[in-house]
Protein backbone atom coordinates (compact mmCIF):
# COMPACT_ATOMS: atom_id res chain seq x y z
CA MET A 1 -9.35 2.77 -22.59
CA ASN A 2 -11.28 4.36 -25.46
CA GLN A 3 -11.12 7.79 -23.83
CA ILE A 4 -7.36 7.43 -23.45
CA LEU A 5 -6.57 6.05 -26.89
CA LEU A 6 -9.35 7.42 -29.12
CA GLY A 7 -10.82 10.39 -27.29
CA THR A 8 -9.41 13.78 -26.40
CA THR A 9 -9.84 13.47 -22.63
CA PHE A 10 -6.13 13.18 -21.83
CA ASP A 11 -4.72 15.21 -24.75
CA ALA A 12 -3.52 18.10 -22.56
CA PHE A 13 -1.38 15.81 -20.39
CA PHE A 14 2.28 15.20 -21.13
CA LEU A 15 3.54 11.67 -21.81
CA VAL A 16 6.56 11.14 -19.57
CA THR A 17 7.18 7.48 -20.29
CA GLY A 18 5.37 4.33 -21.27
CA GLU A 19 5.61 0.66 -22.04
CA ILE A 20 3.36 -1.39 -24.29
CA ARG A 21 3.55 -5.17 -24.38
CA THR A 22 2.25 -6.77 -27.56
CA GLY A 23 4.19 -9.47 -29.42
CA PHE A 24 7.23 -7.68 -28.05
CA THR A 25 7.76 -4.78 -25.66
CA HIS A 26 7.74 -1.17 -26.85
CA THR A 27 9.33 1.39 -24.54
CA LEU A 28 8.31 5.03 -24.91
CA ASP A 29 10.28 8.05 -23.79
CA GLY A 30 8.08 11.11 -23.97
CA ARG A 31 11.00 13.51 -23.65
CA LEU A 32 11.20 15.71 -26.75
CA ASN A 33 14.42 15.86 -28.77
CA VAL A 34 14.60 19.66 -29.00
CA ALA A 35 17.27 19.56 -31.75
CA TYR A 36 14.74 17.86 -34.05
CA PHE A 37 12.39 20.86 -34.14
CA ASP A 38 12.82 24.06 -36.17
CA GLU A 39 11.35 25.99 -33.25
CA ALA A 40 11.78 24.96 -29.60
CA PRO A 41 8.47 23.44 -28.40
CA GLY A 42 8.50 25.19 -25.01
CA HIS A 43 7.89 22.01 -23.03
CA GLN A 44 10.04 19.03 -22.10
CA PHE A 45 7.64 16.17 -22.88
CA ALA A 46 5.29 15.37 -25.76
CA ARG A 47 1.64 16.11 -25.22
CA TRP A 48 -0.46 12.96 -25.30
CA GLU A 49 -2.26 14.43 -28.30
CA GLU A 50 1.05 14.32 -30.21
CA ALA A 51 2.15 10.86 -29.03
CA LYS A 52 -1.22 9.11 -29.28
CA PRO A 53 -1.14 8.41 -33.06
CA TYR A 54 2.23 6.68 -32.68
CA VAL A 55 0.97 4.62 -29.75
CA LEU A 56 -2.14 3.65 -31.72
CA SER A 57 0.04 2.47 -34.60
CA LEU A 58 1.81 0.12 -32.18
CA ILE A 59 -1.37 -1.54 -30.94
CA LYS A 60 -3.48 -1.66 -34.11
CA GLY A 61 -4.91 -5.04 -34.87
CA LYS A 62 -7.31 -7.61 -33.57
CA ARG A 63 -5.54 -8.33 -30.30
CA THR A 64 -5.53 -6.25 -27.15
CA PRO A 65 -2.06 -5.47 -25.76
CA LEU A 66 -0.94 -7.82 -23.00
CA ALA A 67 -0.19 -4.77 -20.88
CA MET A 68 0.27 -1.04 -21.16
CA HIS A 69 1.77 1.38 -18.68
CA LEU A 70 1.72 5.14 -19.29
CA ILE A 71 2.90 7.93 -17.03
CA PHE A 72 1.28 11.29 -17.68
CA ALA A 73 2.38 14.61 -16.18
CA LEU A 74 -0.01 17.47 -15.63
CA ASN A 75 0.69 20.71 -17.45
CA GLU A 76 1.45 23.93 -15.53
CA GLU A 77 -2.13 25.20 -15.74
CA MET A 78 -3.48 21.97 -14.25
CA ILE A 79 -0.83 21.97 -11.52
CA SER A 80 -1.66 25.53 -10.48
CA SER A 81 -5.34 24.59 -10.18
CA VAL A 82 -4.38 21.85 -7.70
CA SER A 83 -1.72 23.55 -5.59
CA THR A 84 0.50 26.60 -5.31
CA ASN A 85 3.01 24.81 -3.09
CA PRO A 86 6.43 26.20 -4.15
CA GLU A 87 8.08 22.87 -3.29
CA LEU A 88 5.88 20.98 -5.76
CA GLU A 89 7.87 19.70 -8.73
CA GLY A 90 5.19 17.74 -10.59
CA LEU A 91 1.91 15.83 -10.51
CA TYR A 92 1.64 12.52 -12.33
CA LEU A 93 -0.97 9.98 -13.38
CA ASN A 94 0.17 6.38 -13.69
CA LEU A 95 -2.08 4.31 -15.96
CA HIS A 96 -1.56 0.58 -15.92
CA PHE A 97 -3.65 -1.68 -18.16
CA LYS A 98 -3.35 -5.44 -17.73
CA GLU A 99 -5.83 -8.31 -18.18
CA ASN A 100 -8.52 -5.82 -19.28
CA VAL A 101 -8.26 -3.86 -16.02
CA LEU A 102 -7.13 -0.24 -15.98
CA THR A 103 -5.59 1.02 -12.75
CA LEU A 104 -4.88 4.71 -12.30
CA THR A 105 -2.72 5.98 -9.46
CA THR A 106 -1.56 9.48 -8.64
CA GLY A 107 1.98 10.60 -7.96
CA THR A 108 3.32 13.78 -6.42
CA ALA A 109 6.93 14.93 -6.72
CA TYR A 110 8.47 17.54 -4.44
CA LYS A 111 11.77 19.38 -4.71
CA THR A 112 12.57 18.41 -1.12
CA PHE A 113 11.26 15.76 1.28
CA SER A 114 7.98 16.64 2.99
CA LEU A 115 5.74 14.95 5.52
CA ASP A 116 2.89 17.23 4.46
CA LYS A 117 0.42 15.20 2.38
CA SER A 118 -2.11 17.98 1.77
CA THR A 119 -1.10 18.37 -1.90
CA ASP A 120 -1.37 14.60 -2.40
CA ILE A 121 -4.91 14.67 -1.02
CA LEU A 122 -5.86 17.69 -3.14
CA PHE A 123 -4.47 15.98 -6.22
CA ALA A 124 -6.41 12.76 -5.55
CA GLU A 125 -9.58 14.84 -5.20
CA TYR A 126 -8.73 16.71 -8.42
CA VAL A 127 -8.37 13.42 -10.32
CA GLU A 128 -11.65 12.08 -8.94
CA ALA A 129 -13.44 15.29 -10.02
CA PHE A 130 -11.76 15.09 -13.44
CA LEU A 131 -12.91 11.50 -13.95
CA ARG A 132 -16.47 12.33 -12.86
CA LYS A 133 -16.60 15.38 -15.15
CA LYS A 134 -15.41 13.29 -18.11
CA GLY A 135 -17.91 10.51 -17.33
CA ILE A 136 -15.23 7.93 -16.61
CA PRO A 137 -16.42 5.37 -14.06
CA TYR A 138 -13.91 4.49 -11.36
CA GLU A 139 -13.62 2.57 -8.13
CA LYS A 140 -11.55 4.11 -5.35
CA LEU A 141 -9.14 1.62 -3.81
């Protein structure tokens, strides 16, 4: 969790949505309100680097959150390093923290239905390599 909340490991990812359960439930929508900015940001969702300080302010204190669920989207550069499939709409990491256990699952979105799972496999391998490179221990389920 330290690499997610305190480190820079996931800063390039976009926060799509999230939920943090402390004394009450906080729901996060990572979609940027473009009208708020003087200059259009050029992306639809907040980078984790931008959202992280707000999230940290929600969970500061002596107690660990009861649960936390974050959905990250890969940026265009990351997506192109995984696949050039023109039907690919997005690649997502689902992080679920509950009872001191962090579970990470991958998600692949296509523009149309496909039985081809080659991109899903490539993405799972990409995530495993990313975790190894960052020194994050994991257990494949």
